[in-house]
Structure formats: structure tokens, C-alpha cells
Amino acid sequence: MQVLVPFSGDPEEYHSTSAERRMASPPICPNCGSRRRLRFHGYYARYVSRKSDGAPLLLLIRRLRCRDCLLTTSLLPGFCLTYRFVRGESVARFLRGEGIDACDLQWQPLLSSSRRKYEWWYPQLAAPVGKTFGLRLGGLSARAGWHVIEDRFGAIEHATGRILGACGITLLGRYRCHQCGLPSNRPGHDHTNLLFSSGTDPPT
């Protein structure tokens, strides 16, 4: 399971302050609902674009493991989007039609891919989100619907967190790492649902 954790700073601050070590554990296991404290279970690494110049920045993502169901939960900072390299702030600007910051020009193909993904996904997003939050999204274009969502929730990380928490989906799709419960017997489980050897804090 992957959960989004609000983080007020940018990727550079997360990295420079080793914020992954301070990410708070959920009060209950997102997979099984157990109230036993989750155990620290190491980290995994992923890249996100830096705010200063758009260059790749390697981040560590904290992982926890439930004592009861034995599944892992990863704590993704809010500025990251699931399976998206470009930070959420830049994706949101691009979807609003405001263009691309100079530092993100190099990632225009990735931003265009995110926009196509959102436009394809929007009809499936509009119904559950509109019903759950009382928003009139049906019949709107994907871009107009994006403005309605932003007007309601604010920044993309807040919108993603609220929609994910209520509907189990994100603004760009439905992902297995956000679906709770035991993994199936099919191959190709999402990495956050597999069991890994316990890790330790990264070197300083």
C-alpha cells in the first residue's frame, strides 16, 4: 500500500533534511486496519524532478510493515505523484494550460504524457469524485474539470490526497499500490505490497 503524506517543503528540502526519517506512521494499517504500531521496514529509492532546475533528484521513501497482515506501506511525500517523475506542482501548471517553467522544458514529453493520461482518465474520474464531493464534473472538458477540482481542493497534492482517501483513485488513474488487501497470486505485484528484507536508516 502507498499513502500520501503532506509535506510543506519542496523535493530539495525533503532530501537535504532527510525528511524520510521523520515521516509519521499511519495510526492504523492501511491494508488490514490493525491498530498495532507498524514496524519500520527500510526505504526504497525513487526520482523526482527538482524545483530549482528540474534535474533528477533521488529520494528515499520510508516503508513500514504491519505486524498482523505482514504487508508493507510506503509513505510518499505529497509533492510526488504515483509513477510520475515530474513533481506535482509542474504537472498541475501544465494541466491548467499555463505552460512549462523553464526548468521543466526538458520534461515536456513526460508532461504531455501526463496530460494525455489525465484526459483519458477524466471520464472515469468525474463520476466518483463528483458524487463523493458534490462537484458538477459531468459534461465538462478535462481541463474545465481540472479547474473545478483545483478550486475545491487547492494544490494538486491536496486534491490527490483527498480523492485518494475517499475514492481509492488518483487524478491520473487507479493503481494497485493504492488498493488495500492481500495481494493476489498473479505475478507482477506492485513493489510496495511485496515483502522485503528489513532495512536500516541510510548512511549519513
N, C-alpha and C. Protein backbone atom coordinates (compact mmCIF):
# COMPACT_ATOMS: atom_id res chain seq x y z
N MET A 1 0.85 -1.19 0.00
CA MET A 1 0.00 0.00 0.00
C MET A 1 0.88 1.24 0.00
N GLN A 2 0.44 2.23 -0.71
CA GLN A 2 1.15 3.50 -0.74
C GLN A 2 0.20 4.59 -0.25
N VAL A 3 0.65 5.40 0.70
CA VAL A 3 -0.16 6.50 1.19
C VAL A 3 0.60 7.80 0.96
N LEU A 4 -0.15 8.87 0.72
CA LEU A 4 0.45 10.18 0.52
C LEU A 4 0.52 10.91 1.87
N VAL A 5 1.66 11.51 2.13
CA VAL A 5 1.87 12.23 3.38
C VAL A 5 2.12 13.70 3.05
N PRO A 6 1.36 14.63 3.61
CA PRO A 6 1.59 16.05 3.34
C PRO A 6 3.02 16.45 3.72
N PHE A 7 3.63 17.24 2.85
CA PHE A 7 4.96 17.78 3.13
C PHE A 7 5.00 19.20 2.62
N SER A 8 5.26 20.15 3.49
CA SER A 8 5.14 21.56 3.13
C SER A 8 6.28 22.07 2.26
N GLY A 9 7.42 21.38 2.26
CA GLY A 9 8.57 21.84 1.50
C GLY A 9 8.63 21.25 0.11
N ASP A 10 9.73 21.52 -0.58
CA ASP A 10 9.94 21.02 -1.93
C ASP A 10 10.85 19.79 -1.89
N PRO A 11 11.08 19.15 -3.04
CA PRO A 11 11.92 17.95 -3.04
C PRO A 11 13.31 18.19 -2.49
N GLU A 12 13.90 19.36 -2.78
CA GLU A 12 15.24 19.65 -2.28
C GLU A 12 15.27 19.68 -0.75
N GLU A 13 14.25 20.27 -0.14
CA GLU A 13 14.20 20.32 1.32
C GLU A 13 14.01 18.92 1.90
N TYR A 14 13.14 18.14 1.28
CA TYR A 14 12.93 16.76 1.73
C TYR A 14 14.25 16.00 1.74
N HIS A 15 15.02 16.19 0.68
CA HIS A 15 16.29 15.48 0.54
C HIS A 15 17.33 16.00 1.52
N SER A 16 17.48 17.32 1.60
CA SER A 16 18.56 17.89 2.40
C SER A 16 18.36 17.71 3.90
N THR A 17 17.10 17.59 4.33
CA THR A 17 16.82 17.44 5.76
C THR A 17 16.56 15.99 6.17
N SER A 18 16.75 15.05 5.21
CA SER A 18 16.47 13.62 5.49
C SER A 18 15.07 13.45 6.07
N ALA A 19 14.11 14.09 5.43
CA ALA A 19 12.74 14.09 5.94
C ALA A 19 12.13 12.69 5.96
N GLU A 20 12.67 11.78 5.15
CA GLU A 20 12.12 10.42 5.14
C GLU A 20 12.19 9.77 6.53
N ARG A 21 13.14 10.18 7.34
CA ARG A 21 13.28 9.60 8.68
C ARG A 21 12.20 10.07 9.64
N ARG A 22 11.54 11.19 9.30
CA ARG A 22 10.54 11.77 10.20
C ARG A 22 9.11 11.53 9.73
N MET A 23 8.93 10.80 8.66
CA MET A 23 7.57 10.57 8.17
C MET A 23 6.79 9.73 9.19
N ALA A 24 5.66 10.26 9.62
CA ALA A 24 4.90 9.63 10.70
C ALA A 24 4.13 8.42 10.22
N SER A 25 4.09 7.40 11.04
CA SER A 25 3.36 6.18 10.72
C SER A 25 1.85 6.43 10.79
N PRO A 26 1.07 5.83 9.88
CA PRO A 26 -0.39 5.93 10.00
C PRO A 26 -0.85 5.32 11.31
N PRO A 27 -1.97 5.80 11.87
CA PRO A 27 -2.44 5.25 13.15
C PRO A 27 -2.93 3.82 13.05
N ILE A 28 -3.36 3.42 11.85
CA ILE A 28 -3.78 2.04 11.62
C ILE A 28 -3.14 1.54 10.34
N CYS A 29 -3.07 0.23 10.17
CA CYS A 29 -2.53 -0.34 8.94
C CYS A 29 -3.49 -0.06 7.79
N PRO A 30 -3.06 0.58 6.72
CA PRO A 30 -3.96 0.86 5.59
C PRO A 30 -4.42 -0.41 4.88
N ASN A 31 -3.71 -1.52 5.07
CA ASN A 31 -4.08 -2.76 4.39
C ASN A 31 -5.15 -3.54 5.13
N CYS A 32 -4.97 -3.72 6.47
CA CYS A 32 -5.88 -4.58 7.20
C CYS A 32 -6.62 -3.88 8.33
N GLY A 33 -6.24 -2.65 8.65
CA GLY A 33 -6.92 -1.92 9.71
C GLY A 33 -6.42 -2.21 11.11
N SER A 34 -5.36 -2.99 11.23
CA SER A 34 -4.81 -3.27 12.55
C SER A 34 -4.35 -1.98 13.22
N ARG A 35 -4.57 -1.90 14.53
CA ARG A 35 -4.14 -0.72 15.29
C ARG A 35 -2.80 -0.92 15.97
N ARG A 36 -2.15 -2.04 15.71
CA ARG A 36 -0.81 -2.24 16.25
C ARG A 36 0.17 -1.35 15.48
N ARG A 37 1.12 -0.79 16.19
CA ARG A 37 2.07 0.12 15.57
C ARG A 37 2.84 -0.58 14.45
N LEU A 38 2.91 0.07 13.28
CA LEU A 38 3.64 -0.50 12.16
C LEU A 38 5.14 -0.46 12.44
N ARG A 39 5.84 -1.46 11.98
CA ARG A 39 7.29 -1.54 12.16
C ARG A 39 8.01 -0.85 11.01
N PHE A 40 9.12 -0.22 11.35
CA PHE A 40 9.98 0.34 10.31
C PHE A 40 10.51 -0.79 9.44
N HIS A 41 10.49 -0.59 8.12
CA HIS A 41 10.87 -1.66 7.19
C HIS A 41 11.75 -1.14 6.06
N GLY A 42 12.62 -0.20 6.38
CA GLY A 42 13.58 0.25 5.39
C GLY A 42 13.05 1.33 4.47
N TYR A 43 13.71 1.47 3.33
CA TYR A 43 13.38 2.50 2.36
C TYR A 43 13.47 1.93 0.95
N TYR A 44 12.81 2.60 0.02
CA TYR A 44 13.13 2.37 -1.38
C TYR A 44 13.41 3.72 -2.01
N ALA A 45 14.08 3.71 -3.14
CA ALA A 45 14.50 4.95 -3.78
C ALA A 45 13.65 5.23 -5.01
N ARG A 46 13.38 6.51 -5.25
CA ARG A 46 12.72 6.93 -6.49
C ARG A 46 13.18 8.34 -6.82
N TYR A 47 13.03 8.69 -8.09
CA TYR A 47 13.45 10.00 -8.57
C TYR A 47 12.24 10.93 -8.68
N VAL A 48 12.51 12.22 -8.52
CA VAL A 48 11.53 13.27 -8.77
C VAL A 48 12.31 14.47 -9.30
N SER A 49 11.64 15.31 -10.09
CA SER A 49 12.34 16.48 -10.64
C SER A 49 12.51 17.54 -9.56
N ARG A 50 13.68 18.18 -9.54
CA ARG A 50 13.95 19.23 -8.56
C ARG A 50 13.19 20.50 -8.94
N LYS A 51 12.83 21.28 -7.92
CA LYS A 51 12.13 22.54 -8.18
C LYS A 51 13.07 23.59 -8.74
N SER A 52 14.32 23.57 -8.36
CA SER A 52 15.26 24.62 -8.75
C SER A 52 15.63 24.57 -10.22
N ASP A 53 15.90 23.37 -10.73
CA ASP A 53 16.36 23.27 -12.12
C ASP A 53 15.76 22.10 -12.89
N GLY A 54 14.85 21.36 -12.27
CA GLY A 54 14.20 20.25 -12.95
C GLY A 54 15.04 19.00 -13.07
N ALA A 55 16.27 19.03 -12.57
CA ALA A 55 17.15 17.86 -12.67
C ALA A 55 16.63 16.72 -11.79
N PRO A 56 16.96 15.48 -12.13
CA PRO A 56 16.52 14.35 -11.31
C PRO A 56 17.14 14.40 -9.91
N LEU A 57 16.31 14.13 -8.93
CA LEU A 57 16.75 14.09 -7.53
C LEU A 57 16.32 12.76 -6.95
N LEU A 58 17.27 12.02 -6.40
CA LEU A 58 16.98 10.71 -5.83
C LEU A 58 16.51 10.87 -4.39
N LEU A 59 15.31 10.39 -4.12
CA LEU A 59 14.73 10.46 -2.79
C LEU A 59 14.59 9.07 -2.19
N LEU A 60 14.62 9.01 -0.88
CA LEU A 60 14.33 7.78 -0.16
C LEU A 60 12.91 7.85 0.38
N ILE A 61 12.17 6.78 0.19
CA ILE A 61 10.77 6.71 0.63
C ILE A 61 10.68 5.69 1.77
N ARG A 62 10.18 6.14 2.89
CA ARG A 62 10.10 5.29 4.08
C ARG A 62 9.04 4.20 3.89
N ARG A 63 9.37 3.01 4.37
CA ARG A 63 8.46 1.88 4.26
C ARG A 63 8.25 1.27 5.65
N LEU A 64 7.01 0.88 5.92
CA LEU A 64 6.63 0.27 7.19
C LEU A 64 5.98 -1.08 6.91
N ARG A 65 5.96 -1.93 7.94
CA ARG A 65 5.38 -3.26 7.77
C ARG A 65 4.44 -3.57 8.92
N CYS A 66 3.27 -4.10 8.57
CA CYS A 66 2.28 -4.44 9.57
C CYS A 66 2.67 -5.73 10.30
N ARG A 67 2.46 -5.75 11.62
CA ARG A 67 2.77 -6.93 12.42
C ARG A 67 1.74 -8.03 12.24
N ASP A 68 0.55 -7.68 11.73
CA ASP A 68 -0.52 -8.65 11.60
C ASP A 68 -0.63 -9.21 10.18
N CYS A 69 -0.85 -8.34 9.19
CA CYS A 69 -1.02 -8.85 7.81
C CYS A 69 0.31 -9.00 7.09
N LEU A 70 1.38 -8.45 7.65
CA LEU A 70 2.75 -8.55 7.12
C LEU A 70 2.96 -7.81 5.81
N LEU A 71 2.00 -7.00 5.40
CA LEU A 71 2.17 -6.21 4.18
C LEU A 71 2.85 -4.90 4.50
N THR A 72 3.47 -4.32 3.48
CA THR A 72 4.21 -3.07 3.68
C THR A 72 3.40 -1.87 3.22
N THR A 73 3.71 -0.73 3.81
CA THR A 73 3.11 0.55 3.47
C THR A 73 4.24 1.54 3.23
N SER A 74 4.20 2.23 2.10
CA SER A 74 5.21 3.25 1.83
C SER A 74 4.59 4.62 2.00
N LEU A 75 5.41 5.57 2.49
CA LEU A 75 4.95 6.92 2.81
C LEU A 75 5.51 7.89 1.78
N LEU A 76 4.68 8.22 0.78
CA LEU A 76 5.12 9.06 -0.33
C LEU A 76 4.84 10.52 -0.02
N PRO A 77 5.86 11.40 -0.08
CA PRO A 77 5.59 12.83 0.17
C PRO A 77 4.65 13.38 -0.89
N GLY A 78 3.81 14.35 -0.47
CA GLY A 78 2.73 14.83 -1.32
C GLY A 78 3.16 15.44 -2.63
N PHE A 79 4.40 15.96 -2.73
CA PHE A 79 4.81 16.58 -3.99
C PHE A 79 5.11 15.55 -5.07
N CYS A 80 5.17 14.28 -4.70
CA CYS A 80 5.37 13.21 -5.68
C CYS A 80 4.02 12.70 -6.17
N LEU A 81 3.93 12.37 -7.43
CA LEU A 81 2.76 11.72 -7.98
C LEU A 81 3.12 10.28 -8.29
N THR A 82 2.19 9.38 -8.03
CA THR A 82 2.44 7.96 -8.24
C THR A 82 2.88 7.68 -9.68
N TYR A 83 4.03 7.04 -9.82
CA TYR A 83 4.58 6.66 -11.12
C TYR A 83 4.83 7.85 -12.05
N ARG A 84 5.01 9.05 -11.51
CA ARG A 84 5.30 10.22 -12.32
C ARG A 84 6.59 10.85 -11.82
N PHE A 85 7.51 11.08 -12.73
CA PHE A 85 8.80 11.65 -12.37
C PHE A 85 8.71 13.14 -12.06
N VAL A 86 7.95 13.89 -12.88
CA VAL A 86 7.86 15.34 -12.70
C VAL A 86 7.02 15.64 -11.47
N ARG A 87 7.51 16.55 -10.62
CA ARG A 87 6.81 16.87 -9.38
C ARG A 87 5.41 17.41 -9.67
N GLY A 88 4.51 17.21 -8.71
CA GLY A 88 3.11 17.52 -8.90
C GLY A 88 2.82 18.96 -9.26
N GLU A 89 3.53 19.90 -8.67
CA GLU A 89 3.32 21.32 -8.94
C GLU A 89 3.45 21.63 -10.43
N SER A 90 4.45 21.05 -11.08
CA SER A 90 4.66 21.29 -12.51
C SER A 90 3.60 20.62 -13.35
N VAL A 91 3.17 19.42 -12.96
CA VAL A 91 2.10 18.74 -13.69
C VAL A 91 0.82 19.57 -13.63
N ALA A 92 0.52 20.11 -12.44
CA ALA A 92 -0.69 20.91 -12.29
C ALA A 92 -0.66 22.15 -13.18
N ARG A 93 0.46 22.85 -13.22
CA ARG A 93 0.58 24.04 -14.07
C ARG A 93 0.35 23.67 -15.54
N PHE A 94 0.89 22.56 -15.96
CA PHE A 94 0.75 22.14 -17.35
C PHE A 94 -0.70 21.79 -17.68
N LEU A 95 -1.38 21.11 -16.74
CA LEU A 95 -2.76 20.74 -16.97
C LEU A 95 -3.68 21.97 -16.97
N ARG A 96 -3.30 23.02 -16.26
CA ARG A 96 -4.07 24.26 -16.29
C ARG A 96 -3.87 25.03 -17.58
N GLY A 97 -2.91 24.62 -18.38
CA GLY A 97 -2.63 25.32 -19.62
C GLY A 97 -1.75 26.53 -19.46
N GLU A 98 -1.01 26.58 -18.34
CA GLU A 98 -0.16 27.73 -18.07
C GLU A 98 1.24 27.59 -18.66
N GLY A 99 1.48 26.54 -19.39
CA GLY A 99 2.80 26.35 -19.98
C GLY A 99 3.75 25.64 -19.04
N ILE A 100 5.01 25.73 -19.39
CA ILE A 100 6.03 24.96 -18.68
C ILE A 100 7.08 25.92 -18.12
N ASP A 101 7.43 25.74 -16.87
CA ASP A 101 8.54 26.50 -16.30
C ASP A 101 9.82 26.16 -17.07
N ALA A 102 10.72 27.13 -17.14
CA ALA A 102 11.97 26.91 -17.88
C ALA A 102 12.72 25.68 -17.41
N CYS A 103 12.69 25.43 -16.10
CA CYS A 103 13.43 24.29 -15.57
C CYS A 103 12.82 22.95 -15.99
N ASP A 104 11.56 22.99 -16.45
CA ASP A 104 10.88 21.74 -16.80
C ASP A 104 10.75 21.53 -18.31
N LEU A 105 11.32 22.44 -19.12
CA LEU A 105 11.21 22.30 -20.57
C LEU A 105 11.75 20.97 -21.06
N GLN A 106 12.78 20.49 -20.38
CA GLN A 106 13.39 19.22 -20.78
C GLN A 106 12.44 18.04 -20.58
N TRP A 107 11.40 18.22 -19.76
CA TRP A 107 10.48 17.12 -19.45
C TRP A 107 9.14 17.29 -20.15
N GLN A 108 9.09 18.11 -21.21
CA GLN A 108 7.82 18.32 -21.91
C GLN A 108 7.18 17.02 -22.38
N PRO A 109 7.94 16.05 -22.92
CA PRO A 109 7.29 14.79 -23.31
C PRO A 109 6.61 14.07 -22.14
N LEU A 110 7.23 14.14 -20.95
CA LEU A 110 6.63 13.49 -19.78
C LEU A 110 5.38 14.25 -19.34
N LEU A 111 5.42 15.58 -19.39
CA LEU A 111 4.25 16.37 -19.04
C LEU A 111 3.12 16.13 -20.03
N SER A 112 3.45 16.04 -21.30
CA SER A 112 2.42 15.77 -22.31
C SER A 112 1.81 14.39 -22.08
N SER A 113 2.63 13.43 -21.67
CA SER A 113 2.12 12.09 -21.36
C SER A 113 1.16 12.14 -20.18
N SER A 114 1.50 12.93 -19.16
CA SER A 114 0.61 13.06 -18.01
C SER A 114 -0.72 13.69 -18.42
N ARG A 115 -0.66 14.68 -19.30
CA ARG A 115 -1.90 15.31 -19.75
C ARG A 115 -2.76 14.34 -20.53
N ARG A 116 -2.15 13.57 -21.42
CA ARG A 116 -2.93 12.57 -22.17
C ARG A 116 -3.54 11.55 -21.23
N LYS A 117 -2.79 11.14 -20.21
CA LYS A 117 -3.29 10.19 -19.24
C LYS A 117 -4.49 10.77 -18.49
N TYR A 118 -4.37 12.02 -18.06
CA TYR A 118 -5.47 12.66 -17.34
C TYR A 118 -6.70 12.79 -18.23
N GLU A 119 -6.51 13.23 -19.47
CA GLU A 119 -7.65 13.41 -20.37
C GLU A 119 -8.34 12.07 -20.66
N TRP A 120 -7.56 11.00 -20.78
CA TRP A 120 -8.16 9.68 -20.99
C TRP A 120 -8.90 9.22 -19.74
N TRP A 121 -8.36 9.50 -18.58
CA TRP A 121 -8.90 9.02 -17.32
C TRP A 121 -10.07 9.87 -16.82
N TYR A 122 -10.16 11.10 -17.26
CA TYR A 122 -11.14 12.04 -16.70
C TYR A 122 -12.57 11.51 -16.67
N PRO A 123 -13.10 10.90 -17.73
CA PRO A 123 -14.49 10.40 -17.64
C PRO A 123 -14.69 9.40 -16.51
N GLN A 124 -13.67 8.60 -16.22
CA GLN A 124 -13.79 7.64 -15.12
C GLN A 124 -13.56 8.29 -13.76
N LEU A 125 -12.86 9.41 -13.76
CA LEU A 125 -12.62 10.16 -12.53
C LEU A 125 -13.83 10.99 -12.14
N ALA A 126 -14.51 11.58 -13.14
CA ALA A 126 -15.55 12.56 -12.88
C ALA A 126 -16.72 11.99 -12.08
N ALA A 127 -17.15 10.78 -12.39
CA ALA A 127 -18.34 10.24 -11.74
C ALA A 127 -18.14 10.01 -10.24
N PRO A 128 -17.14 9.23 -9.82
CA PRO A 128 -17.00 9.01 -8.37
C PRO A 128 -16.62 10.27 -7.59
N VAL A 129 -15.75 11.11 -8.17
CA VAL A 129 -15.34 12.32 -7.46
C VAL A 129 -16.50 13.30 -7.38
N GLY A 130 -17.25 13.45 -8.47
CA GLY A 130 -18.40 14.34 -8.45
C GLY A 130 -19.44 13.90 -7.43
N LYS A 131 -19.71 12.61 -7.37
CA LYS A 131 -20.71 12.09 -6.43
C LYS A 131 -20.23 12.22 -4.99
N THR A 132 -18.98 11.89 -4.74
CA THR A 132 -18.47 11.89 -3.37
C THR A 132 -18.38 13.30 -2.80
N PHE A 133 -17.95 14.25 -3.61
CA PHE A 133 -17.70 15.60 -3.11
C PHE A 133 -18.72 16.64 -3.58
N GLY A 134 -19.76 16.17 -4.28
CA GLY A 134 -20.80 17.10 -4.71
C GLY A 134 -20.33 18.09 -5.75
N LEU A 135 -19.44 17.66 -6.65
CA LEU A 135 -18.93 18.53 -7.70
C LEU A 135 -19.62 18.20 -9.03
N ARG A 136 -19.90 19.21 -9.81
CA ARG A 136 -20.51 19.00 -11.12
C ARG A 136 -19.40 18.87 -12.15
N LEU A 137 -18.98 17.65 -12.38
CA LEU A 137 -17.88 17.39 -13.30
C LEU A 137 -18.35 16.77 -14.61
N GLY A 138 -19.51 16.14 -14.59
CA GLY A 138 -20.03 15.51 -15.79
C GLY A 138 -20.33 16.53 -16.86
N GLY A 139 -19.96 16.20 -18.09
CA GLY A 139 -20.21 17.10 -19.21
C GLY A 139 -19.16 18.17 -19.41
N LEU A 140 -18.24 18.30 -18.47
CA LEU A 140 -17.17 19.28 -18.62
C LEU A 140 -16.00 18.67 -19.38
N SER A 141 -15.23 19.51 -20.03
CA SER A 141 -13.99 19.03 -20.62
C SER A 141 -13.02 18.68 -19.51
N ALA A 142 -11.98 17.92 -19.85
CA ALA A 142 -11.00 17.53 -18.84
C ALA A 142 -10.35 18.76 -18.22
N ARG A 143 -10.03 19.78 -19.03
CA ARG A 143 -9.38 20.97 -18.49
C ARG A 143 -10.33 21.75 -17.58
N ALA A 144 -11.58 21.89 -18.00
CA ALA A 144 -12.55 22.59 -17.16
C ALA A 144 -12.76 21.84 -15.85
N GLY A 145 -12.81 20.52 -15.93
CA GLY A 145 -12.96 19.72 -14.72
C GLY A 145 -11.77 19.87 -13.79
N TRP A 146 -10.58 20.02 -14.37
CA TRP A 146 -9.38 20.23 -13.55
C TRP A 146 -9.50 21.53 -12.75
N HIS A 147 -10.02 22.58 -13.39
CA HIS A 147 -10.18 23.85 -12.68
C HIS A 147 -11.18 23.72 -11.53
N VAL A 148 -12.26 22.97 -11.75
CA VAL A 148 -13.24 22.75 -10.69
C VAL A 148 -12.60 22.01 -9.52
N ILE A 149 -11.82 20.99 -9.82
CA ILE A 149 -11.17 20.22 -8.78
C ILE A 149 -10.18 21.08 -8.00
N GLU A 150 -9.40 21.88 -8.72
CA GLU A 150 -8.43 22.74 -8.03
C GLU A 150 -9.13 23.81 -7.20
N ASP A 151 -10.25 24.35 -7.71
CA ASP A 151 -10.99 25.35 -6.95
C ASP A 151 -11.49 24.76 -5.63
N ARG A 152 -11.82 23.48 -5.65
CA ARG A 152 -12.35 22.83 -4.44
C ARG A 152 -11.24 22.44 -3.46
N PHE A 153 -10.17 21.87 -3.98
CA PHE A 153 -9.17 21.27 -3.10
C PHE A 153 -7.87 22.04 -3.00
N GLY A 154 -7.62 22.95 -3.92
CA GLY A 154 -6.36 23.68 -3.88
C GLY A 154 -5.27 22.94 -4.63
N ALA A 155 -4.07 22.93 -4.07
CA ALA A 155 -2.90 22.36 -4.73
C ALA A 155 -3.12 20.89 -5.09
N ILE A 156 -2.40 20.45 -6.10
CA ILE A 156 -2.58 19.09 -6.61
C ILE A 156 -2.33 18.03 -5.54
N GLU A 157 -1.38 18.28 -4.61
CA GLU A 157 -1.13 17.26 -3.58
C GLU A 157 -2.31 17.14 -2.63
N HIS A 158 -3.01 18.25 -2.36
CA HIS A 158 -4.20 18.18 -1.50
C HIS A 158 -5.34 17.49 -2.23
N ALA A 159 -5.51 17.83 -3.51
CA ALA A 159 -6.56 17.19 -4.30
C ALA A 159 -6.32 15.69 -4.39
N THR A 160 -5.08 15.32 -4.67
CA THR A 160 -4.76 13.90 -4.80
C THR A 160 -5.02 13.16 -3.49
N GLY A 161 -4.58 13.74 -2.37
CA GLY A 161 -4.77 13.10 -1.09
C GLY A 161 -6.23 12.92 -0.72
N ARG A 162 -7.05 13.95 -0.94
CA ARG A 162 -8.47 13.85 -0.60
C ARG A 162 -9.18 12.83 -1.48
N ILE A 163 -8.91 12.88 -2.78
CA ILE A 163 -9.58 11.96 -3.70
C ILE A 163 -9.12 10.53 -3.46
N LEU A 164 -7.83 10.36 -3.23
CA LEU A 164 -7.32 9.02 -2.96
C LEU A 164 -7.93 8.46 -1.68
N GLY A 165 -8.00 9.29 -0.63
CA GLY A 165 -8.55 8.81 0.63
C GLY A 165 -10.02 8.44 0.54
N ALA A 166 -10.79 9.16 -0.26
CA ALA A 166 -12.22 8.93 -0.33
C ALA A 166 -12.63 7.92 -1.39
N CYS A 167 -11.89 7.91 -2.51
CA CYS A 167 -12.32 7.11 -3.67
C CYS A 167 -11.35 6.00 -4.05
N GLY A 168 -10.14 6.02 -3.49
CA GLY A 168 -9.16 4.98 -3.83
C GLY A 168 -8.55 5.14 -5.21
N ILE A 169 -8.67 6.33 -5.79
CA ILE A 169 -8.12 6.60 -7.11
C ILE A 169 -7.34 7.91 -7.04
N THR A 170 -6.54 8.17 -8.07
CA THR A 170 -5.82 9.43 -8.14
C THR A 170 -6.34 10.24 -9.34
N LEU A 171 -5.80 11.42 -9.50
CA LEU A 171 -6.20 12.28 -10.61
C LEU A 171 -5.73 11.74 -11.96
N LEU A 172 -4.78 10.83 -11.93
CA LEU A 172 -4.21 10.31 -13.18
C LEU A 172 -4.46 8.82 -13.37
N GLY A 173 -5.22 8.19 -12.50
CA GLY A 173 -5.50 6.79 -12.71
C GLY A 173 -5.76 6.03 -11.43
N ARG A 174 -6.05 4.74 -11.59
CA ARG A 174 -6.23 3.81 -10.48
C ARG A 174 -5.01 2.89 -10.45
N TYR A 175 -4.38 2.77 -9.29
CA TYR A 175 -3.15 1.99 -9.19
C TYR A 175 -3.27 0.92 -8.11
N ARG A 176 -2.65 -0.20 -8.38
CA ARG A 176 -2.74 -1.33 -7.45
C ARG A 176 -2.11 -1.00 -6.11
N CYS A 177 -1.10 -0.12 -6.10
CA CYS A 177 -0.44 0.20 -4.84
C CYS A 177 -1.33 0.99 -3.90
N HIS A 178 -2.49 1.46 -4.37
CA HIS A 178 -3.42 2.19 -3.51
C HIS A 178 -4.62 1.34 -3.12
N GLN A 179 -4.65 0.10 -3.55
CA GLN A 179 -5.77 -0.78 -3.23
C GLN A 179 -5.38 -1.65 -2.04
N CYS A 180 -6.19 -1.62 -0.98
CA CYS A 180 -5.83 -2.37 0.22
C CYS A 180 -6.20 -3.83 0.06
N GLY A 181 -5.67 -4.64 0.96
CA GLY A 181 -5.96 -6.07 0.96
C GLY A 181 -4.76 -6.90 0.57
N LEU A 182 -4.90 -8.20 0.74
CA LEU A 182 -3.81 -9.11 0.45
C LEU A 182 -3.57 -9.19 -1.05
N PRO A 183 -2.32 -9.35 -1.47
CA PRO A 183 -2.03 -9.46 -2.90
C PRO A 183 -2.57 -10.76 -3.46
N SER A 184 -2.86 -10.77 -4.75
CA SER A 184 -3.34 -11.97 -5.40
C SER A 184 -2.17 -12.89 -5.71
N ASN A 185 -2.49 -14.05 -6.29
CA ASN A 185 -1.44 -15.00 -6.67
C ASN A 185 -0.86 -14.71 -8.04
N ARG A 186 -1.36 -13.67 -8.68
CA ARG A 186 -0.85 -13.34 -10.00
C ARG A 186 0.53 -12.71 -9.89
N PRO A 187 1.38 -12.93 -10.90
CA PRO A 187 2.70 -12.30 -10.87
C PRO A 187 2.58 -10.80 -11.11
N GLY A 188 3.63 -10.09 -10.74
CA GLY A 188 3.69 -8.67 -11.02
C GLY A 188 3.05 -7.80 -9.97
N HIS A 189 3.08 -8.22 -8.69
CA HIS A 189 2.55 -7.38 -7.64
C HIS A 189 3.29 -6.05 -7.61
N ASP A 190 2.61 -5.02 -7.22
CA ASP A 190 3.29 -3.74 -7.03
C ASP A 190 4.33 -3.89 -5.93
N HIS A 191 5.46 -3.19 -6.10
CA HIS A 191 6.59 -3.40 -5.20
C HIS A 191 6.26 -3.06 -3.76
N THR A 192 5.29 -2.18 -3.50
CA THR A 192 5.01 -1.82 -2.12
C THR A 192 4.17 -2.88 -1.42
N ASN A 193 3.71 -3.90 -2.13
CA ASN A 193 2.97 -4.98 -1.50
C ASN A 193 3.82 -6.23 -1.33
N LEU A 194 5.05 -6.20 -1.78
CA LEU A 194 5.92 -7.36 -1.61
C LEU A 194 6.69 -7.24 -0.31
N LEU A 195 7.13 -8.36 0.21
CA LEU A 195 7.89 -8.36 1.45
C LEU A 195 9.39 -8.27 1.13
N PHE A 196 10.07 -7.35 1.75
CA PHE A 196 11.49 -7.14 1.54
C PHE A 196 12.24 -7.43 2.85
N SER A 197 13.52 -7.65 2.73
CA SER A 197 14.34 -7.76 3.92
C SER A 197 14.30 -6.43 4.66
N SER A 198 14.26 -6.49 5.97
CA SER A 198 14.19 -5.27 6.76
C SER A 198 15.41 -4.41 6.49
N GLY A 199 15.21 -3.10 6.42
CA GLY A 199 16.31 -2.18 6.15
C GLY A 199 16.69 -1.41 7.38
N THR A 200 17.69 -0.59 7.24
CA THR A 200 18.13 0.29 8.32
C THR A 200 18.15 1.71 7.80
N ASP A 201 18.35 2.66 8.69
CA ASP A 201 18.46 4.03 8.23
C ASP A 201 19.63 4.15 7.26
N PRO A 202 19.46 4.98 6.23
CA PRO A 202 20.53 5.14 5.24
C PRO A 202 21.74 5.82 5.89
N PRO A 203 22.91 5.67 5.30
CA PRO A 203 24.10 6.32 5.87
C PRO A 203 23.99 7.82 5.82
N THR A 204 24.58 8.50 6.78
CA THR A 204 24.56 9.96 6.81
C THR A 204 25.80 10.50 6.12
